[in-house]
Amino acid sequence: MLSAKRICNPQDALALLNCRRLPARLNTSEVAVLLGFQEHDIAPLIAARLIAPLGKPAPNAPKYFATVEIERCAQDADWLSQATRALAKHWLGKNSRKAASCEQGEASAGA
């Protein structure tokens, strides 16, 4: 049903949020909609061990998550705050590494 496809548009997201009963496991795009994050934010949340995929999937395998755990996280204000801080730290580090590599490239080009 919903788990078989990615959520690409607002209508798909609204359909998920209006479900009477969610499927037992959710993919990354569904988790992002339920938690209120972007889909690309899910991987850093996994890396920070704030959410855990079901089983032990390979790094390049699709990840599925238990709906009961995701709903618990979505209702916990402390968890949401912790996840938001972890994402801010992740993107700050990534952007600073990118800026440092750009500055290093400009310095070597100018020499």
N, C-alpha and C. Protein backbone atom coordinates (compact mmCIF):
# COMPACT_ATOMS: atom_id res chain seq x y z
N MET A 1 0.84 -1.18 0.00
CA MET A 1 0.00 0.00 0.00
C MET A 1 0.88 1.24 0.00
N LEU A 2 0.97 1.95 1.09
CA LEU A 2 1.76 3.18 1.14
C LEU A 2 3.25 2.90 1.21
N SER A 3 3.66 1.82 1.86
CA SER A 3 5.08 1.53 2.04
C SER A 3 5.79 1.19 0.75
N ALA A 4 5.05 0.86 -0.28
CA ALA A 4 5.67 0.45 -1.53
C ALA A 4 6.18 1.63 -2.35
N LYS A 5 5.79 2.85 -2.01
CA LYS A 5 6.21 3.98 -2.83
C LYS A 5 6.74 5.12 -1.96
N ARG A 6 7.47 5.98 -2.62
CA ARG A 6 7.99 7.17 -1.95
C ARG A 6 6.91 8.24 -1.93
N ILE A 7 6.99 9.09 -0.94
CA ILE A 7 6.05 10.21 -0.86
C ILE A 7 6.67 11.37 -1.60
N CYS A 8 6.10 11.67 -2.76
CA CYS A 8 6.70 12.67 -3.65
C CYS A 8 5.97 14.00 -3.65
N ASN A 9 4.74 14.01 -3.23
CA ASN A 9 3.98 15.26 -3.31
C ASN A 9 3.12 15.44 -2.06
N PRO A 10 2.59 16.62 -1.88
CA PRO A 10 1.78 16.88 -0.67
C PRO A 10 0.55 15.99 -0.55
N GLN A 11 -0.03 15.57 -1.68
CA GLN A 11 -1.20 14.69 -1.61
C GLN A 11 -0.85 13.35 -0.99
N ASP A 12 0.33 12.81 -1.34
CA ASP A 12 0.76 11.55 -0.75
C ASP A 12 1.00 11.70 0.76
N ALA A 13 1.60 12.82 1.15
CA ALA A 13 1.85 13.07 2.57
C ALA A 13 0.54 13.20 3.33
N LEU A 14 -0.41 13.90 2.75
CA LEU A 14 -1.71 14.07 3.39
C LEU A 14 -2.44 12.73 3.50
N ALA A 15 -2.33 11.90 2.48
CA ALA A 15 -2.96 10.58 2.52
C ALA A 15 -2.38 9.75 3.66
N LEU A 16 -1.06 9.84 3.85
CA LEU A 16 -0.43 9.10 4.95
C LEU A 16 -0.91 9.62 6.30
N LEU A 17 -0.94 10.93 6.45
CA LEU A 17 -1.34 11.51 7.73
C LEU A 17 -2.82 11.26 8.05
N ASN A 18 -3.63 11.03 7.03
CA ASN A 18 -5.06 10.80 7.24
C ASN A 18 -5.42 9.32 7.33
N CYS A 19 -4.45 8.44 7.30
CA CYS A 19 -4.74 7.00 7.40
C CYS A 19 -5.37 6.69 8.75
N ARG A 20 -6.38 5.84 8.72
CA ARG A 20 -6.97 5.39 9.98
C ARG A 20 -6.00 4.50 10.73
N ARG A 21 -5.32 3.65 9.99
CA ARG A 21 -4.37 2.72 10.59
C ARG A 21 -3.13 2.70 9.72
N LEU A 22 -2.00 3.03 10.30
CA LEU A 22 -0.74 3.02 9.57
C LEU A 22 -0.23 1.60 9.43
N PRO A 23 0.57 1.33 8.39
CA PRO A 23 1.18 0.00 8.28
C PRO A 23 2.15 -0.23 9.44
N ALA A 24 2.48 -1.46 9.72
CA ALA A 24 3.35 -1.80 10.85
C ALA A 24 4.77 -1.30 10.66
N ARG A 25 5.22 -1.22 9.42
CA ARG A 25 6.56 -0.69 9.17
C ARG A 25 6.48 0.40 8.11
N LEU A 26 7.35 1.38 8.27
CA LEU A 26 7.36 2.56 7.42
C LEU A 26 8.71 2.70 6.74
N ASN A 27 8.71 3.26 5.53
CA ASN A 27 9.97 3.53 4.85
C ASN A 27 10.47 4.93 5.26
N THR A 28 11.61 5.33 4.75
CA THR A 28 12.22 6.59 5.19
C THR A 28 11.37 7.81 4.84
N SER A 29 10.73 7.81 3.68
CA SER A 29 9.93 8.98 3.33
C SER A 29 8.69 9.10 4.22
N GLU A 30 8.10 7.99 4.59
CA GLU A 30 6.95 8.01 5.50
C GLU A 30 7.36 8.44 6.90
N VAL A 31 8.52 7.99 7.35
CA VAL A 31 9.04 8.39 8.66
C VAL A 31 9.27 9.90 8.67
N ALA A 32 9.84 10.42 7.60
CA ALA A 32 10.11 11.86 7.51
C ALA A 32 8.81 12.65 7.62
N VAL A 33 7.76 12.21 6.96
CA VAL A 33 6.48 12.91 7.02
C VAL A 33 5.91 12.87 8.43
N LEU A 34 5.93 11.71 9.06
CA LEU A 34 5.35 11.58 10.40
C LEU A 34 6.12 12.36 11.46
N LEU A 35 7.45 12.46 11.30
CA LEU A 35 8.26 13.18 12.28
C LEU A 35 8.38 14.66 11.97
N GLY A 36 8.03 15.06 10.75
CA GLY A 36 8.13 16.46 10.39
C GLY A 36 9.51 16.88 9.94
N PHE A 37 10.33 15.95 9.49
CA PHE A 37 11.66 16.24 8.98
C PHE A 37 11.68 16.03 7.47
N GLN A 38 12.77 16.44 6.84
CA GLN A 38 12.97 16.16 5.42
C GLN A 38 13.49 14.73 5.28
N GLU A 39 13.29 14.15 4.10
CA GLU A 39 13.72 12.76 3.91
C GLU A 39 15.24 12.62 4.04
N HIS A 40 16.00 13.63 3.62
CA HIS A 40 17.46 13.54 3.72
C HIS A 40 17.95 13.69 5.16
N ASP A 41 17.07 14.03 6.09
CA ASP A 41 17.45 14.13 7.50
C ASP A 41 17.38 12.79 8.23
N ILE A 42 16.80 11.79 7.61
CA ILE A 42 16.63 10.50 8.29
C ILE A 42 17.97 9.79 8.49
N ALA A 43 18.84 9.82 7.48
CA ALA A 43 20.14 9.15 7.61
C ALA A 43 20.97 9.71 8.77
N PRO A 44 21.05 11.04 8.96
CA PRO A 44 21.77 11.54 10.14
C PRO A 44 21.11 11.14 11.46
N LEU A 45 19.79 11.01 11.49
CA LEU A 45 19.12 10.56 12.72
C LEU A 45 19.48 9.10 13.02
N ILE A 46 19.63 8.30 11.99
CA ILE A 46 20.05 6.90 12.18
C ILE A 46 21.50 6.89 12.68
N ALA A 47 22.35 7.71 12.07
CA ALA A 47 23.76 7.76 12.47
C ALA A 47 23.92 8.21 13.92
N ALA A 48 23.04 9.12 14.36
CA ALA A 48 23.08 9.61 15.73
C ALA A 48 22.39 8.64 16.70
N ARG A 49 21.90 7.53 16.17
CA ARG A 49 21.21 6.50 16.95
C ARG A 49 19.95 7.02 17.65
N LEU A 50 19.28 7.96 17.01
CA LEU A 50 18.02 8.47 17.55
C LEU A 50 16.83 7.67 17.03
N ILE A 51 16.97 7.06 15.87
CA ILE A 51 16.00 6.09 15.37
C ILE A 51 16.78 4.89 14.86
N ALA A 52 16.17 3.74 14.92
CA ALA A 52 16.85 2.51 14.50
C ALA A 52 15.98 1.78 13.48
N PRO A 53 16.57 1.39 12.35
CA PRO A 53 15.81 0.61 11.37
C PRO A 53 15.57 -0.81 11.88
N LEU A 54 14.56 -1.43 11.34
CA LEU A 54 14.24 -2.81 11.71
C LEU A 54 15.29 -3.75 11.13
N GLY A 55 15.64 -4.77 11.86
CA GLY A 55 16.64 -5.73 11.41
C GLY A 55 18.01 -5.09 11.39
N LYS A 56 18.87 -5.62 10.56
CA LYS A 56 20.21 -5.06 10.38
C LYS A 56 20.44 -4.90 8.88
N PRO A 57 19.82 -3.87 8.28
CA PRO A 57 19.95 -3.71 6.83
C PRO A 57 21.36 -3.29 6.43
N ALA A 58 21.75 -3.68 5.24
CA ALA A 58 23.04 -3.26 4.68
C ALA A 58 23.01 -1.73 4.50
N PRO A 59 24.17 -1.09 4.47
CA PRO A 59 24.19 0.36 4.34
C PRO A 59 23.44 0.90 3.12
N ASN A 60 23.45 0.14 2.02
CA ASN A 60 22.78 0.62 0.82
C ASN A 60 21.39 0.02 0.62
N ALA A 61 20.88 -0.71 1.59
CA ALA A 61 19.56 -1.34 1.50
C ALA A 61 18.48 -0.37 1.96
N PRO A 62 17.25 -0.56 1.48
CA PRO A 62 16.15 0.28 1.98
C PRO A 62 15.95 0.03 3.47
N LYS A 63 15.62 1.08 4.19
CA LYS A 63 15.42 0.99 5.64
C LYS A 63 13.92 1.06 5.94
N TYR A 64 13.50 0.23 6.87
CA TYR A 64 12.13 0.24 7.36
C TYR A 64 12.16 0.41 8.86
N PHE A 65 11.12 1.06 9.39
CA PHE A 65 11.07 1.40 10.81
C PHE A 65 9.73 0.96 11.39
N ALA A 66 9.74 0.62 12.67
CA ALA A 66 8.52 0.22 13.37
C ALA A 66 7.65 1.45 13.62
N THR A 67 6.42 1.38 13.19
CA THR A 67 5.49 2.49 13.34
C THR A 67 5.30 2.88 14.80
N VAL A 68 5.22 1.90 15.69
CA VAL A 68 4.99 2.21 17.10
C VAL A 68 6.14 3.05 17.67
N GLU A 69 7.38 2.76 17.25
CA GLU A 69 8.53 3.53 17.73
C GLU A 69 8.52 4.94 17.17
N ILE A 70 8.19 5.07 15.90
CA ILE A 70 8.17 6.39 15.27
C ILE A 70 7.07 7.25 15.88
N GLU A 71 5.91 6.67 16.13
CA GLU A 71 4.82 7.43 16.78
C GLU A 71 5.22 7.86 18.19
N ARG A 72 5.93 6.98 18.90
CA ARG A 72 6.38 7.33 20.25
C ARG A 72 7.34 8.51 20.18
N CYS A 73 8.27 8.47 19.24
CA CYS A 73 9.23 9.57 19.07
C CYS A 73 8.52 10.87 18.70
N ALA A 74 7.53 10.78 17.82
CA ALA A 74 6.81 11.97 17.36
C ALA A 74 6.03 12.64 18.49
N GLN A 75 5.69 11.91 19.54
CA GLN A 75 4.92 12.48 20.65
C GLN A 75 5.80 12.90 21.82
N ASP A 76 7.09 12.70 21.72
CA ASP A 76 8.02 13.01 22.79
C ASP A 76 8.76 14.32 22.49
N ALA A 77 8.42 15.38 23.19
CA ALA A 77 9.03 16.69 22.94
C ALA A 77 10.53 16.68 23.20
N ASP A 78 10.97 15.95 24.21
CA ASP A 78 12.41 15.88 24.50
C ASP A 78 13.16 15.19 23.35
N TRP A 79 12.58 14.12 22.82
CA TRP A 79 13.21 13.43 21.70
C TRP A 79 13.28 14.35 20.47
N LEU A 80 12.19 15.05 20.20
CA LEU A 80 12.17 15.97 19.05
C LEU A 80 13.22 17.06 19.20
N SER A 81 13.39 17.56 20.41
CA SER A 81 14.42 18.58 20.65
C SER A 81 15.81 18.01 20.44
N GLN A 82 16.04 16.80 20.94
CA GLN A 82 17.33 16.13 20.78
C GLN A 82 17.61 15.86 19.29
N ALA A 83 16.61 15.43 18.55
CA ALA A 83 16.77 15.16 17.12
C ALA A 83 17.07 16.44 16.35
N THR A 84 16.39 17.52 16.71
CA THR A 84 16.62 18.80 16.05
C THR A 84 18.04 19.29 16.30
N ARG A 85 18.53 19.15 17.54
CA ARG A 85 19.91 19.53 17.85
C ARG A 85 20.91 18.67 17.09
N ALA A 86 20.65 17.37 17.00
CA ALA A 86 21.55 16.47 16.28
C ALA A 86 21.62 16.84 14.80
N LEU A 87 20.47 17.18 14.21
CA LEU A 87 20.46 17.57 12.80
C LEU A 87 21.18 18.90 12.59
N ALA A 88 20.97 19.84 13.49
CA ALA A 88 21.67 21.13 13.36
C ALA A 88 23.17 20.92 13.45
N LYS A 89 23.62 20.07 14.36
CA LYS A 89 25.05 19.78 14.50
C LYS A 89 25.58 19.09 13.25
N HIS A 90 24.82 18.16 12.70
CA HIS A 90 25.23 17.44 11.50
C HIS A 90 25.41 18.40 10.32
N TRP A 91 24.42 19.25 10.07
CA TRP A 91 24.49 20.15 8.92
C TRP A 91 25.51 21.25 9.14
N LEU A 92 25.72 21.68 10.36
CA LEU A 92 26.76 22.68 10.65
C LEU A 92 28.13 22.10 10.32
N GLY A 93 28.38 20.87 10.76
CA GLY A 93 29.65 20.22 10.47
C GLY A 93 29.85 19.99 8.98
N LYS A 94 28.81 19.55 8.31
CA LYS A 94 28.91 19.29 6.87
C LYS A 94 29.17 20.58 6.11
N ASN A 95 28.47 21.65 6.46
CA ASN A 95 28.66 22.93 5.78
C ASN A 95 30.03 23.53 6.08
N SER A 96 30.54 23.36 7.29
CA SER A 96 31.86 23.91 7.61
C SER A 96 32.96 23.14 6.89
N ARG A 97 32.80 21.82 6.74
CA ARG A 97 33.77 21.04 5.97
C ARG A 97 33.76 21.46 4.50
N LYS A 98 32.57 21.72 3.97
CA LYS A 98 32.44 22.16 2.59
C LYS A 98 33.09 23.53 2.39
N ALA A 99 32.87 24.45 3.32
CA ALA A 99 33.47 25.78 3.23
C ALA A 99 34.98 25.70 3.35
N ALA A 100 35.48 24.83 4.23
CA ALA A 100 36.92 24.68 4.41
C ALA A 100 37.57 24.12 3.14
N SER A 101 36.92 23.17 2.48
CA SER A 101 37.49 22.61 1.26
C SER A 101 37.46 23.63 0.13
N CYS A 102 36.43 24.48 0.10
CA CYS A 102 36.38 25.54 -0.92
C CYS A 102 37.48 26.55 -0.70
N GLU A 103 37.70 26.94 0.57
CA GLU A 103 38.76 27.90 0.88
C GLU A 103 40.13 27.33 0.56
N GLN A 104 40.31 26.04 0.82
CA GLN A 104 41.58 25.39 0.55
C GLN A 104 41.83 25.33 -0.96
N GLY A 105 40.77 25.08 -1.73
CA GLY A 105 40.88 25.03 -3.19
C GLY A 105 41.22 26.39 -3.77
N GLU A 106 40.63 27.45 -3.21
CA GLU A 106 40.91 28.80 -3.68
C GLU A 106 42.35 29.21 -3.35
N ALA A 107 42.83 28.80 -2.17
CA ALA A 107 44.19 29.15 -1.76
C ALA A 107 45.23 28.47 -2.66
N SER A 108 44.98 27.20 -3.00
CA SER A 108 45.94 26.50 -3.86
C SER A 108 45.87 27.02 -5.29
N ALA A 109 44.72 27.50 -5.73
CA ALA A 109 44.58 28.01 -7.09
C ALA A 109 45.25 29.39 -7.21
N GLY A 110 45.24 30.14 -6.12
CA GLY A 110 45.83 31.48 -6.13
C GLY A 110 47.34 31.47 -6.00
N ALA A 111 47.93 30.37 -5.55
CA ALA A 111 49.38 30.30 -5.33
C ALA A 111 50.17 30.07 -6.58
